Full PDB file with SEQRES, HELIX, SHEET, SSBOND, CRYST1, ORIGX, SCALE, CONECT and MASTER records, all heavy atoms in Angstrom:
SEQRES   1 A   43  PRO GLY LYS GLU ARG GLU PHE VAL ALA SER ILE SER ARG          
SEQRES   2 A   43  THR GLY ASP GLY THR SER PHE ALA ASN SER VAL LYS GLY          
SEQRES   3 A   43  ARG ILE GLY ILE SER ARG ASP TYR GLU LYS THR LEU TYR          
SEQRES   4 A   43  LEU ASP LEU ASN                                              
SHEET    1 AA1 2 ALA A   9  ILE A  11  0                                        
SHEET    2 AA1 2 THR A  18  PHE A  20 -1                                        
SHEET    1 AA2 2 ILE A  28  ARG A  32  0                                        
SHEET    2 AA2 2 LEU A  38  LEU A  42 -1                                        
CRYST1    1.000    1.000    1.000  90.00  90.00  90.00 P 1           1          
ORIGX1      1.000000  0.000000  0.000000        0.00000                         
ORIGX2      0.000000  1.000000  0.000000        0.00000                         
ORIGX3      0.000000  0.000000  1.000000        0.00000                         
SCALE1      1.000000  0.000000  0.000000        0.00000                         
SCALE2      0.000000  1.000000  0.000000        0.00000                         
SCALE3      0.000000  0.000000  1.000000        0.00000                         
ATOM      1  N   PRO A   1      46.321 -61.493-117.822  1.00  0.00           N  
ATOM      2  CA  PRO A   1      46.966 -62.848-117.958  1.00  0.00           C  
ATOM      3  C   PRO A   1      47.058 -63.497-116.553  1.00  0.00           C  
ATOM      4  O   PRO A   1      47.456 -62.854-115.603  1.00  0.00           O  
ATOM      5  CB  PRO A   1      48.333 -62.572-118.513  1.00  0.00           C  
ATOM      6  CG  PRO A   1      48.158 -61.342-119.291  1.00  0.00           C  
ATOM      7  CD  PRO A   1      47.228 -60.471-118.541  1.00  0.00           C  
ATOM      8  N   GLY A   2      46.639 -64.777-116.416  1.00  0.00           N  
ATOM      9  CA  GLY A   2      46.679 -65.413-115.203  1.00  0.00           C  
ATOM     10  C   GLY A   2      45.560 -65.084-114.256  1.00  0.00           C  
ATOM     11  O   GLY A   2      45.599 -65.656-113.031  1.00  0.00           O  
ATOM     12  N   LYS A   3      44.704 -64.274-114.566  1.00  0.00           N  
ATOM     13  CA  LYS A   3      43.643 -63.872-113.676  1.00  0.00           C  
ATOM     14  C   LYS A   3      42.215 -64.193-114.257  1.00  0.00           C  
ATOM     15  O   LYS A   3      42.114 -64.412-115.422  1.00  0.00           O  
ATOM     16  CB  LYS A   3      43.673 -62.335-113.392  1.00  0.00           C  
ATOM     17  CG  LYS A   3      44.900 -61.901-112.606  1.00  0.00           C  
ATOM     18  CD  LYS A   3      44.830 -60.518-112.236  1.00  0.00           C  
ATOM     19  CE  LYS A   3      46.043 -60.095-111.419  1.00  0.00           C  
ATOM     20  NZ  LYS A   3      46.084 -60.808-110.128  1.00  0.00           N  
ATOM     21  N   GLU A   4      41.241 -64.257-113.410  1.00  0.00           N  
ATOM     22  CA  GLU A   4      39.895 -64.434-113.815  1.00  0.00           C  
ATOM     23  C   GLU A   4      39.260 -63.223-114.446  1.00  0.00           C  
ATOM     24  O   GLU A   4      39.701 -62.049-114.132  1.00  0.00           O  
ATOM     25  CB  GLU A   4      39.053 -64.869-112.620  1.00  0.00           C  
ATOM     26  CG  GLU A   4      39.464 -66.158-111.920  1.00  0.00           C  
ATOM     27  CD  GLU A   4      39.167 -67.370-112.811  1.00  0.00           C  
ATOM     28  OE1 GLU A   4      38.152 -67.427-113.570  1.00  0.00           O  
ATOM     29  OE2 GLU A   4      40.071 -68.244-112.860  1.00  0.00           O  
ATOM     30  N   ARG A   5      38.338 -63.423-115.270  1.00  0.00           N  
ATOM     31  CA  ARG A   5      37.623 -62.299-115.906  1.00  0.00           C  
ATOM     32  C   ARG A   5      36.805 -61.562-114.836  1.00  0.00           C  
ATOM     33  O   ARG A   5      36.091 -62.211-114.073  1.00  0.00           O  
ATOM     34  CB  ARG A   5      36.718 -62.797-117.068  1.00  0.00           C  
ATOM     35  CG  ARG A   5      36.050 -61.683-117.759  1.00  0.00           C  
ATOM     36  CD  ARG A   5      35.407 -62.190-119.156  1.00  0.00           C  
ATOM     37  NE  ARG A   5      36.406 -62.901-119.972  1.00  0.00           N  
ATOM     38  CZ  ARG A   5      36.250 -63.322-121.173  1.00  0.00           C  
ATOM     39  NH1 ARG A   5      35.016 -63.179-121.765  1.00  0.00           N  
ATOM     40  NH2 ARG A   5      37.187 -63.906-121.851  1.00  0.00           N  
ATOM     41  N   GLU A   6      36.964 -60.241-114.754  1.00  0.00           N  
ATOM     42  CA  GLU A   6      36.288 -59.506-113.733  1.00  0.00           C  
ATOM     43  C   GLU A   6      35.436 -58.432-114.238  1.00  0.00           C  
ATOM     44  O   GLU A   6      35.616 -57.876-115.352  1.00  0.00           O  
ATOM     45  CB  GLU A   6      37.319 -58.889-112.771  1.00  0.00           C  
ATOM     46  CG  GLU A   6      38.140 -57.801-113.276  1.00  0.00           C  
ATOM     47  CD  GLU A   6      39.025 -57.058-112.317  1.00  0.00           C  
ATOM     48  OE1 GLU A   6      38.760 -57.291-111.163  1.00  0.00           O  
ATOM     49  OE2 GLU A   6      39.993 -56.412-112.784  1.00  0.00           O  
ATOM     50  N   PHE A   7      34.310 -58.227-113.519  1.00  0.00           N  
ATOM     51  CA  PHE A   7      33.325 -57.117-113.920  1.00  0.00           C  
ATOM     52  C   PHE A   7      33.943 -55.759-113.788  1.00  0.00           C  
ATOM     53  O   PHE A   7      34.743 -55.428-112.852  1.00  0.00           O  
ATOM     54  CB  PHE A   7      32.224 -57.187-112.901  1.00  0.00           C  
ATOM     55  CG  PHE A   7      31.164 -56.096-113.075  1.00  0.00           C  
ATOM     56  CD1 PHE A   7      30.242 -56.110-114.063  1.00  0.00           C  
ATOM     57  CD2 PHE A   7      31.154 -55.099-112.121  1.00  0.00           C  
ATOM     58  CE1 PHE A   7      29.323 -55.030-114.188  1.00  0.00           C  
ATOM     59  CE2 PHE A   7      30.233 -54.027-112.209  1.00  0.00           C  
ATOM     60  CZ  PHE A   7      29.399 -53.997-113.215  1.00  0.00           C  
ATOM     61  N   VAL A   8      33.649 -54.925-114.708  1.00  0.00           N  
ATOM     62  CA  VAL A   8      34.066 -53.537-114.744  1.00  0.00           C  
ATOM     63  C   VAL A   8      32.938 -52.508-114.531  1.00  0.00           C  
ATOM     64  O   VAL A   8      32.916 -51.740-113.655  1.00  0.00           O  
ATOM     65  CB  VAL A   8      34.931 -53.200-115.937  1.00  0.00           C  
ATOM     66  CG1 VAL A   8      35.282 -51.674-115.985  1.00  0.00           C  
ATOM     67  CG2 VAL A   8      36.024 -54.078-116.079  1.00  0.00           C  
ATOM     68  N   ALA A   9      31.939 -52.646-115.434  1.00  0.00           N  
ATOM     69  CA  ALA A   9      30.781 -51.743-115.327  1.00  0.00           C  
ATOM     70  C   ALA A   9      29.641 -52.282-116.224  1.00  0.00           C  
ATOM     71  O   ALA A   9      29.827 -53.082-117.130  1.00  0.00           O  
ATOM     72  CB  ALA A   9      31.165 -50.348-115.894  1.00  0.00           C  
ATOM     73  N   SER A  10      28.341 -51.830-115.916  1.00  0.00           N  
ATOM     74  CA  SER A  10      27.291 -52.297-116.581  1.00  0.00           C  
ATOM     75  C   SER A  10      26.354 -51.074-116.830  1.00  0.00           C  
ATOM     76  O   SER A  10      26.397 -50.091-116.148  1.00  0.00           O  
ATOM     77  CB  SER A  10      26.539 -53.414-115.910  1.00  0.00           C  
ATOM     78  OG  SER A  10      25.985 -52.936-114.659  1.00  0.00           O  
ATOM     79  N   ILE A  11      25.441 -51.265-117.804  1.00  0.00           N  
ATOM     80  CA  ILE A  11      24.470 -50.176-118.068  1.00  0.00           C  
ATOM     81  C   ILE A  11      23.180 -51.010-118.481  1.00  0.00           C  
ATOM     82  O   ILE A  11      23.178 -51.879-119.260  1.00  0.00           O  
ATOM     83  CB  ILE A  11      24.927 -49.282-119.207  1.00  0.00           C  
ATOM     84  CG1 ILE A  11      23.960 -48.122-119.331  1.00  0.00           C  
ATOM     85  CG2 ILE A  11      25.156 -50.028-120.517  1.00  0.00           C  
ATOM     86  CD1 ILE A  11      24.606 -46.923-120.164  1.00  0.00           C  
ATOM     87  N   SER A  12      22.005 -50.370-118.079  1.00  0.00           N  
ATOM     88  CA  SER A  12      20.774 -51.046-118.326  1.00  0.00           C  
ATOM     89  C   SER A  12      20.332 -50.902-119.787  1.00  0.00           C  
ATOM     90  O   SER A  12      20.913 -50.133-120.522  1.00  0.00           O  
ATOM     91  CB  SER A  12      19.674 -50.430-117.363  1.00  0.00           C  
ATOM     92  OG  SER A  12      19.506 -49.094-117.649  1.00  0.00           O  
ATOM     93  N   ARG A  13      19.321 -51.573-120.132  1.00  0.00           N  
ATOM     94  CA  ARG A  13      18.725 -51.570-121.449  1.00  0.00           C  
ATOM     95  C   ARG A  13      18.480 -50.187-122.030  1.00  0.00           C  
ATOM     96  O   ARG A  13      18.795 -49.941-123.197  1.00  0.00           O  
ATOM     97  CB  ARG A  13      17.456 -52.434-121.633  1.00  0.00           C  
ATOM     98  CG  ARG A  13      17.704 -53.915-121.343  1.00  0.00           C  
ATOM     99  CD  ARG A  13      16.360 -54.671-121.570  1.00  0.00           C  
ATOM    100  NE  ARG A  13      15.283 -54.258-120.674  1.00  0.00           N  
ATOM    101  CZ  ARG A  13      15.100 -54.643-119.394  1.00  0.00           C  
ATOM    102  NH1 ARG A  13      15.966 -55.603-118.895  1.00  0.00           N  
ATOM    103  NH2 ARG A  13      14.122 -54.269-118.633  1.00  0.00           N  
ATOM    104  N   THR A  14      17.985 -49.307-121.238  1.00  0.00           N  
ATOM    105  CA  THR A  14      17.613 -47.927-121.625  1.00  0.00           C  
ATOM    106  C   THR A  14      18.732 -46.906-121.230  1.00  0.00           C  
ATOM    107  O   THR A  14      18.483 -45.730-121.450  1.00  0.00           O  
ATOM    108  CB  THR A  14      16.232 -47.510-121.091  1.00  0.00           C  
ATOM    109  OG1 THR A  14      16.235 -47.570-119.671  1.00  0.00           O  
ATOM    110  CG2 THR A  14      15.168 -48.478-121.656  1.00  0.00           C  
ATOM    111  N   GLY A  15      19.707 -47.376-120.630  1.00  0.00           N  
ATOM    112  CA  GLY A  15      20.742 -46.467-120.190  1.00  0.00           C  
ATOM    113  C   GLY A  15      20.573 -45.741-118.879  1.00  0.00           C  
ATOM    114  O   GLY A  15      21.289 -44.874-118.543  1.00  0.00           O  
ATOM    115  N   ASP A  16      19.492 -46.108-118.165  1.00  0.00           N  
ATOM    116  CA  ASP A  16      19.072 -45.355-116.948  1.00  0.00           C  
ATOM    117  C   ASP A  16      19.880 -45.726-115.753  1.00  0.00           C  
ATOM    118  O   ASP A  16      19.976 -44.978-114.797  1.00  0.00           O  
ATOM    119  CB  ASP A  16      17.550 -45.569-116.658  1.00  0.00           C  
ATOM    120  CG  ASP A  16      16.646 -44.983-117.741  1.00  0.00           C  
ATOM    121  OD1 ASP A  16      17.084 -43.940-118.314  1.00  0.00           O  
ATOM    122  OD2 ASP A  16      15.546 -45.601-118.027  1.00  0.00           O  
ATOM    123  N   GLY A  17      20.370 -46.966-115.679  1.00  0.00           N  
ATOM    124  CA  GLY A  17      21.051 -47.421-114.563  1.00  0.00           C  
ATOM    125  C   GLY A  17      22.458 -47.960-114.830  1.00  0.00           C  
ATOM    126  O   GLY A  17      22.618 -48.662-115.990  1.00  0.00           O  
ATOM    127  N   THR A  18      23.389 -47.577-114.062  1.00  0.00           N  
ATOM    128  CA  THR A  18      24.804 -48.001-114.256  1.00  0.00           C  
ATOM    129  C   THR A  18      25.412 -48.559-112.962  1.00  0.00           C  
ATOM    130  O   THR A  18      24.893 -48.198-111.861  1.00  0.00           O  
ATOM    131  CB  THR A  18      25.694 -46.918-114.720  1.00  0.00           C  
ATOM    132  OG1 THR A  18      25.680 -45.805-113.763  1.00  0.00           O  
ATOM    133  CG2 THR A  18      25.261 -46.345-116.059  1.00  0.00           C  
ATOM    134  N   SER A  19      26.333 -49.461-113.052  1.00  0.00           N  
ATOM    135  CA  SER A  19      27.022 -49.994-111.928  1.00  0.00           C  
ATOM    136  C   SER A  19      28.481 -50.117-112.240  1.00  0.00           C  
ATOM    137  O   SER A  19      28.828 -50.427-113.341  1.00  0.00           O  
ATOM    138  CB  SER A  19      26.374 -51.359-111.581  1.00  0.00           C  
ATOM    139  OG  SER A  19      26.980 -51.895-110.479  1.00  0.00           O  
ATOM    140  N   PHE A  20      29.285 -49.944-111.256  1.00  0.00           N  
ATOM    141  CA  PHE A  20      30.739 -49.921-111.352  1.00  0.00           C  
ATOM    142  C   PHE A  20      31.446 -50.822-110.326  1.00  0.00           C  
ATOM    143  O   PHE A  20      31.025 -50.882-109.148  1.00  0.00           O  
ATOM    144  CB  PHE A  20      31.360 -48.574-111.317  1.00  0.00           C  
ATOM    145  CG  PHE A  20      30.843 -47.615-112.355  1.00  0.00           C  
ATOM    146  CD1 PHE A  20      29.682 -46.900-112.096  1.00  0.00           C  
ATOM    147  CD2 PHE A  20      31.349 -47.523-113.555  1.00  0.00           C  
ATOM    148  CE1 PHE A  20      29.211 -46.013-113.038  1.00  0.00           C  
ATOM    149  CE2 PHE A  20      30.870 -46.635-114.491  1.00  0.00           C  
ATOM    150  CZ  PHE A  20      29.759 -45.896-114.173  1.00  0.00           C  
ATOM    151  N   ALA A  21      32.476 -51.556-110.743  1.00  0.00           N  
ATOM    152  CA  ALA A  21      33.365 -52.186-109.766  1.00  0.00           C  
ATOM    153  C   ALA A  21      34.039 -51.182-108.857  1.00  0.00           C  
ATOM    154  O   ALA A  21      34.325 -50.075-109.254  1.00  0.00           O  
ATOM    155  CB  ALA A  21      34.332 -53.048-110.517  1.00  0.00           C  
ATOM    156  N   ASN A  22      34.208 -51.645-107.651  1.00  0.00           N  
ATOM    157  CA  ASN A  22      34.870 -50.676-106.629  1.00  0.00           C  
ATOM    158  C   ASN A  22      36.275 -50.208-107.143  1.00  0.00           C  
ATOM    159  O   ASN A  22      36.655 -49.075-106.873  1.00  0.00           O  
ATOM    160  CB  ASN A  22      35.095 -51.387-105.346  1.00  0.00           C  
ATOM    161  CG  ASN A  22      33.677 -51.626-104.583  1.00  0.00           C  
ATOM    162  OD1 ASN A  22      32.761 -50.840-104.856  1.00  0.00           O  
ATOM    163  ND2 ASN A  22      33.667 -52.554-103.788  1.00  0.00           N  
ATOM    164  N   SER A  23      37.004 -50.975-107.874  1.00  0.00           N  
ATOM    165  CA  SER A  23      38.280 -50.696-108.339  1.00  0.00           C  
ATOM    166  C   SER A  23      38.377 -49.623-109.323  1.00  0.00           C  
ATOM    167  O   SER A  23      39.347 -48.966-109.567  1.00  0.00           O  
ATOM    168  CB  SER A  23      38.915 -51.950-108.909  1.00  0.00           C  
ATOM    169  OG  SER A  23      38.248 -52.445-109.952  1.00  0.00           O  
ATOM    170  N   VAL A  24      37.229 -49.319-109.989  1.00  0.00           N  
ATOM    171  CA  VAL A  24      37.178 -48.226-110.957  1.00  0.00           C  
ATOM    172  C   VAL A  24      36.239 -47.100-110.754  1.00  0.00           C  
ATOM    173  O   VAL A  24      36.097 -46.189-111.489  1.00  0.00           O  
ATOM    174  CB  VAL A  24      36.821 -48.863-112.342  1.00  0.00           C  
ATOM    175  CG1 VAL A  24      37.849 -49.912-112.804  1.00  0.00           C  
ATOM    176  CG2 VAL A  24      35.473 -49.430-112.349  1.00  0.00           C  
ATOM    177  N   LYS A  25      35.472 -47.106-109.625  1.00  0.00           N  
ATOM    178  CA  LYS A  25      34.513 -46.093-109.358  1.00  0.00           C  
ATOM    179  C   LYS A  25      35.300 -44.706-109.265  1.00  0.00           C  
ATOM    180  O   LYS A  25      36.297 -44.549-108.694  1.00  0.00           O  
ATOM    181  CB  LYS A  25      33.898 -46.371-107.918  1.00  0.00           C  
ATOM    182  CG  LYS A  25      32.783 -47.402-108.048  1.00  0.00           C  
ATOM    183  CD  LYS A  25      32.163 -47.511-106.645  1.00  0.00           C  
ATOM    184  CE  LYS A  25      31.067 -48.616-106.712  1.00  0.00           C  
ATOM    185  NZ  LYS A  25      30.380 -48.776-105.434  1.00  0.00           N  
ATOM    186  N   GLY A  26      34.669 -43.710-109.930  1.00  0.00           N  
ATOM    187  CA  GLY A  26      35.207 -42.419-109.979  1.00  0.00           C  
ATOM    188  C   GLY A  26      36.224 -42.197-111.111  1.00  0.00           C  
ATOM    189  O   GLY A  26      36.550 -41.122-111.372  1.00  0.00           O  
ATOM    190  N   ARG A  27      36.641 -43.298-111.761  1.00  0.00           N  
ATOM    191  CA  ARG A  27      37.542 -43.202-112.946  1.00  0.00           C  
ATOM    192  C   ARG A  27      37.011 -43.604-114.257  1.00  0.00           C  
ATOM    193  O   ARG A  27      37.673 -43.442-115.206  1.00  0.00           O  
ATOM    194  CB  ARG A  27      38.791 -44.056-112.594  1.00  0.00           C  
ATOM    195  CG  ARG A  27      39.520 -43.559-111.322  1.00  0.00           C  
ATOM    196  CD  ARG A  27      40.884 -44.337-111.162  1.00  0.00           C  
ATOM    197  NE  ARG A  27      40.779 -45.731-111.102  1.00  0.00           N  
ATOM    198  CZ  ARG A  27      41.269 -46.521-112.072  1.00  0.00           C  
ATOM    199  NH1 ARG A  27      41.845 -46.091-113.108  1.00  0.00           N  
ATOM    200  NH2 ARG A  27      41.151 -47.916-111.903  1.00  0.00           N  
ATOM    201  N   ILE A  28      35.800 -44.206-114.296  1.00  0.00           N  
ATOM    202  CA  ILE A  28      35.166 -44.805-115.456  1.00  0.00           C  
ATOM    203  C   ILE A  28      33.919 -44.346-115.719  1.00  0.00           C  
ATOM    204  O   ILE A  28      33.056 -44.112-114.731  1.00  0.00           O  
ATOM    205  CB  ILE A  28      35.371 -46.329-115.349  1.00  0.00           C  
ATOM    206  CG1 ILE A  28      36.786 -46.828-115.628  1.00  0.00           C  
ATOM    207  CG2 ILE A  28      34.395 -47.017-116.337  1.00  0.00           C  
ATOM    208  CD1 ILE A  28      36.918 -48.337-115.675  1.00  0.00           C  
ATOM    209  N   GLY A  29      33.533 -44.097-116.913  1.00  0.00           N  
ATOM    210  CA  GLY A  29      32.208 -43.804-117.330  1.00  0.00           C  
ATOM    211  C   GLY A  29      31.705 -44.832-118.347  1.00  0.00           C  
ATOM    212  O   GLY A  29      32.492 -45.292-119.228  1.00  0.00           O  
ATOM    213  N   ILE A  30      30.390 -45.293-118.231  1.00  0.00           N  
ATOM    214  CA  ILE A  30      29.872 -46.187-119.192  1.00  0.00           C  
ATOM    215  C   ILE A  30      28.636 -45.514-119.772  1.00  0.00           C  
ATOM    216  O   ILE A  30      27.879 -44.794-119.161  1.00  0.00           O  
ATOM    217  CB  ILE A  30      29.502 -47.523-118.626  1.00  0.00           C  
ATOM    218  CG1 ILE A  30      29.091 -48.515-119.692  1.00  0.00           C  
ATOM    219  CG2 ILE A  30      28.409 -47.404-117.513  1.00  0.00           C  
ATOM    220  CD1 ILE A  30      28.960 -49.964-119.136  1.00  0.00           C  
ATOM    221  N   SER A  31      28.431 -45.652-121.143  1.00  0.00           N  
ATOM    222  CA  SER A  31      27.371 -45.059-121.811  1.00  0.00           C  
ATOM    223  C   SER A  31      26.998 -45.892-123.074  1.00  0.00           C  
ATOM    224  O   SER A  31      27.766 -46.774-123.490  1.00  0.00           O  
ATOM    225  CB  SER A  31      27.664 -43.627-122.189  1.00  0.00           C  
ATOM    226  OG  SER A  31      28.738 -43.559-123.084  1.00  0.00           O  
ATOM    227  N   ARG A  32      25.853 -45.536-123.613  1.00  0.00           N  
ATOM    228  CA  ARG A  32      25.487 -46.277-124.862  1.00  0.00           C  
ATOM    229  C   ARG A  32      24.632 -45.292-125.699  1.00  0.00           C  
ATOM    230  O   ARG A  32      24.005 -44.231-125.201  1.00  0.00           O  
ATOM    231  CB  ARG A  32      24.644 -47.496-124.578  1.00  0.00           C  
ATOM    232  CG  ARG A  32      23.309 -47.145-123.939  1.00  0.00           C  
ATOM    233  CD  ARG A  32      22.648 -48.446-123.293  1.00  0.00           C  
ATOM    234  NE  ARG A  32      22.535 -49.498-124.275  1.00  0.00           N  
ATOM    235  CZ  ARG A  32      22.188 -50.780-124.072  1.00  0.00           C  
ATOM    236  NH1 ARG A  32      22.125 -51.130-122.772  1.00  0.00           N  
ATOM    237  NH2 ARG A  32      22.072 -51.658-125.046  1.00  0.00           N  
ATOM    238  N   ASP A  33      24.714 -45.440-127.023  1.00  0.00           N  
ATOM    239  CA  ASP A  33      23.980 -44.561-127.892  1.00  0.00           C  
ATOM    240  C   ASP A  33      22.548 -45.200-128.151  1.00  0.00           C  
ATOM    241  O   ASP A  33      22.180 -46.158-127.462  1.00  0.00           O  
ATOM    242  CB  ASP A  33      24.602 -44.230-129.274  1.00  0.00           C  
ATOM    243  CG  ASP A  33      24.836 -45.456-130.129  1.00  0.00           C  
ATOM    244  OD1 ASP A  33      24.159 -46.616-129.861  1.00  0.00           O  
ATOM    245  OD2 ASP A  33      25.508 -45.360-131.157  1.00  0.00           O  
ATOM    246  N   TYR A  34      21.798 -44.627-129.026  1.00  0.00           N  
ATOM    247  CA  TYR A  34      20.392 -45.096-129.251  1.00  0.00           C  
ATOM    248  C   TYR A  34      20.284 -46.325-130.124  1.00  0.00           C  
ATOM    249  O   TYR A  34      19.141 -46.653-130.497  1.00  0.00           O  
ATOM    250  CB  TYR A  34      19.547 -43.896-129.573  1.00  0.00           C  
ATOM    251  CG  TYR A  34      19.453 -42.931-128.557  1.00  0.00           C  
ATOM    252  CD1 TYR A  34      19.909 -41.554-128.801  1.00  0.00           C  
ATOM    253  CD2 TYR A  34      19.047 -43.126-127.262  1.00  0.00           C  
ATOM    254  CE1 TYR A  34      19.970 -40.629-127.861  1.00  0.00           C  
ATOM    255  CE2 TYR A  34      19.025 -42.103-126.329  1.00  0.00           C  
ATOM    256  CZ  TYR A  34      19.490 -40.872-126.635  1.00  0.00           C  
ATOM    257  OH  TYR A  34      19.453 -39.853-125.689  1.00  0.00           O  
ATOM    258  N   GLU A  35      21.369 -46.843-130.607  1.00  0.00           N  
ATOM    259  CA  GLU A  35      21.294 -47.915-131.624  1.00  0.00           C  
ATOM    260  C   GLU A  35      22.235 -49.107-131.214  1.00  0.00           C  
ATOM    261  O   GLU A  35      21.788 -50.009-130.427  1.00  0.00           O  
ATOM    262  CB  GLU A  35      21.689 -47.482-133.017  1.00  0.00           C  
ATOM    263  CG  GLU A  35      20.620 -46.675-133.681  1.00  0.00           C  
ATOM    264  CD  GLU A  35      19.430 -47.605-134.123  1.00  0.00           C  
ATOM    265  OE1 GLU A  35      19.633 -48.764-134.334  1.00  0.00           O  
ATOM    266  OE2 GLU A  35      18.263 -47.077-134.239  1.00  0.00           O  
ATOM    267  N   LYS A  36      23.465 -49.075-131.612  1.00  0.00           N  
ATOM    268  CA  LYS A  36      24.331 -50.263-131.621  1.00  0.00           C  
ATOM    269  C   LYS A  36      25.582 -50.186-130.799  1.00  0.00           C  
ATOM    270  O   LYS A  36      26.244 -51.152-130.558  1.00  0.00           O  
ATOM    271  CB  LYS A  36      24.700 -50.675-132.993  1.00  0.00           C  
ATOM    272  CG  LYS A  36      23.528 -50.951-133.963  1.00  0.00           C  
ATOM    273  CD  LYS A  36      24.026 -51.358-135.308  1.00  0.00           C  
ATOM    274  CE  LYS A  36      22.963 -51.689-136.293  1.00  0.00           C  
ATOM    275  NZ  LYS A  36      23.552 -52.022-137.604  1.00  0.00           N  
ATOM    276  N   THR A  37      25.875 -49.003-130.264  1.00  0.00           N  
ATOM    277  CA  THR A  37      27.221 -48.789-129.694  1.00  0.00           C  
ATOM    278  C   THR A  37      27.247 -48.600-128.166  1.00  0.00           C  
ATOM    279  O   THR A  37      26.421 -47.813-127.563  1.00  0.00           O  
ATOM    280  CB  THR A  37      27.868 -47.625-130.366  1.00  0.00           C  
ATOM    281  OG1 THR A  37      27.830 -47.800-131.790  1.00  0.00           O  
ATOM    282  CG2 THR A  37      29.374 -47.509-129.909  1.00  0.00           C  
ATOM    283  N   LEU A  38      28.148 -49.268-127.549  1.00  0.00           N  
ATOM    284  CA  LEU A  38      28.490 -49.170-126.123  1.00  0.00           C  
ATOM    285  C   LEU A  38      29.845 -48.544-125.959  1.00  0.00           C  
ATOM    286  O   LEU A  38      30.760 -48.827-126.733  1.00  0.00           O  
ATOM    287  CB  LEU A  38      28.480 -50.551-125.493  1.00  0.00           C  
ATOM    288  CG  LEU A  38      28.842 -50.647-124.076  1.00  0.00           C  
ATOM    289  CD1 LEU A  38      27.763 -49.995-123.107  1.00  0.00           C  
ATOM    290  CD2 LEU A  38      29.177 -52.116-123.673  1.00  0.00           C  
ATOM    291  N   TYR A  39      29.997 -47.670-124.905  1.00  0.00           N  
ATOM    292  CA  TYR A  39      31.215 -47.001-124.679  1.00  0.00           C  
ATOM    293  C   TYR A  39      31.722 -47.214-123.240  1.00  0.00           C  
ATOM    294  O   TYR A  39      30.959 -47.406-122.338  1.00  0.00           O  
ATOM    295  CB  TYR A  39      31.148 -45.494-124.883  1.00  0.00           C  
ATOM    296  CG  TYR A  39      30.639 -45.041-126.297  1.00  0.00           C  
ATOM    297  CD1 TYR A  39      29.264 -44.866-126.529  1.00  0.00           C  
ATOM    298  CD2 TYR A  39      31.595 -44.960-127.356  1.00  0.00           C  
ATOM    299  CE1 TYR A  39      28.902 -44.450-127.788  1.00  0.00           C  
ATOM    300  CE2 TYR A  39      31.177 -44.544-128.574  1.00  0.00           C  
ATOM    301  CZ  TYR A  39      29.831 -44.363-128.803  1.00  0.00           C  
ATOM    302  OH  TYR A  39      29.450 -43.992-129.981  1.00  0.00           O  
ATOM    303  N   LEU A  40      33.030 -47.182-123.086  1.00  0.00           N  
ATOM    304  CA  LEU A  40      33.718 -47.139-121.850  1.00  0.00           C  
ATOM    305  C   LEU A  40      34.751 -46.156-121.753  1.00  0.00           C  
ATOM    306  O   LEU A  40      35.730 -46.237-122.540  1.00  0.00           O  
ATOM    307  CB  LEU A  40      34.252 -48.501-121.433  1.00  0.00           C  
ATOM    308  CG  LEU A  40      34.745 -48.703-120.072  1.00  0.00           C  
ATOM    309  CD1 LEU A  40      33.705 -48.691-119.086  1.00  0.00           C  
ATOM    310  CD2 LEU A  40      35.624 -49.945-119.935  1.00  0.00           C  
ATOM    311  N   ASP A  41      34.639 -45.168-120.985  1.00  0.00           N  
ATOM    312  CA  ASP A  41      35.671 -44.003-120.839  1.00  0.00           C  
ATOM    313  C   ASP A  41      36.546 -44.436-119.659  1.00  0.00           C  
ATOM    314  O   ASP A  41      36.060 -44.406-118.459  1.00  0.00           O  
ATOM    315  CB  ASP A  41      35.014 -42.724-120.686  1.00  0.00           C  
ATOM    316  CG  ASP A  41      34.334 -42.245-121.876  1.00  0.00           C  
ATOM    317  OD1 ASP A  41      35.021 -42.184-122.949  1.00  0.00           O  
ATOM    318  OD2 ASP A  41      33.106 -41.977-121.887  1.00  0.00           O  
ATOM    319  N   LEU A  42      37.739 -44.622-119.851  1.00  0.00           N  
ATOM    320  CA  LEU A  42      38.792 -44.925-118.849  1.00  0.00           C  
ATOM    321  C   LEU A  42      39.531 -43.721-118.556  1.00  0.00           C  
ATOM    322  O   LEU A  42      40.227 -43.148-119.450  1.00  0.00           O  
ATOM    323  CB  LEU A  42      39.706 -46.041-119.311  1.00  0.00           C  
ATOM    324  CG  LEU A  42      38.992 -47.287-119.713  1.00  0.00           C  
ATOM    325  CD1 LEU A  42      39.916 -48.286-120.417  1.00  0.00           C  
ATOM    326  CD2 LEU A  42      38.419 -48.057-118.501  1.00  0.00           C  
ATOM    327  N   ASN A  43      39.699 -43.295-117.266  1.00  0.00           N  
ATOM    328  CA  ASN A  43      40.435 -42.071-116.855  1.00  0.00           C  
ATOM    329  C   ASN A  43      41.453 -42.378-115.804  1.00  0.00           C  
ATOM    330  O   ASN A  43      41.165 -43.409-114.998  1.00  0.00           O  
ATOM    331  CB  ASN A  43      39.477 -41.018-116.418  1.00  0.00           C  
ATOM    332  CG  ASN A  43      38.470 -40.629-117.533  1.00  0.00           C  
ATOM    333  OD1 ASN A  43      38.831 -40.178-118.497  1.00  0.00           O  
ATOM    334  ND2 ASN A  43      37.149 -40.966-117.189  1.00  0.00           N  
TER     335      ASN A  43                                                      
MASTER        0    0    0    0    4    0    0    6  334    1    0    4          
END                                                                             
């Protein structure tokens, strides 16, 4: 609330490349399955 939307993490079309915001590096995992689902693991 009251803040701009910010980037957290991304994953490439084939899942080969990922990128993370500095604020979450080391605490977050991003993954996708082979069909329709994207995941974000927050630790």
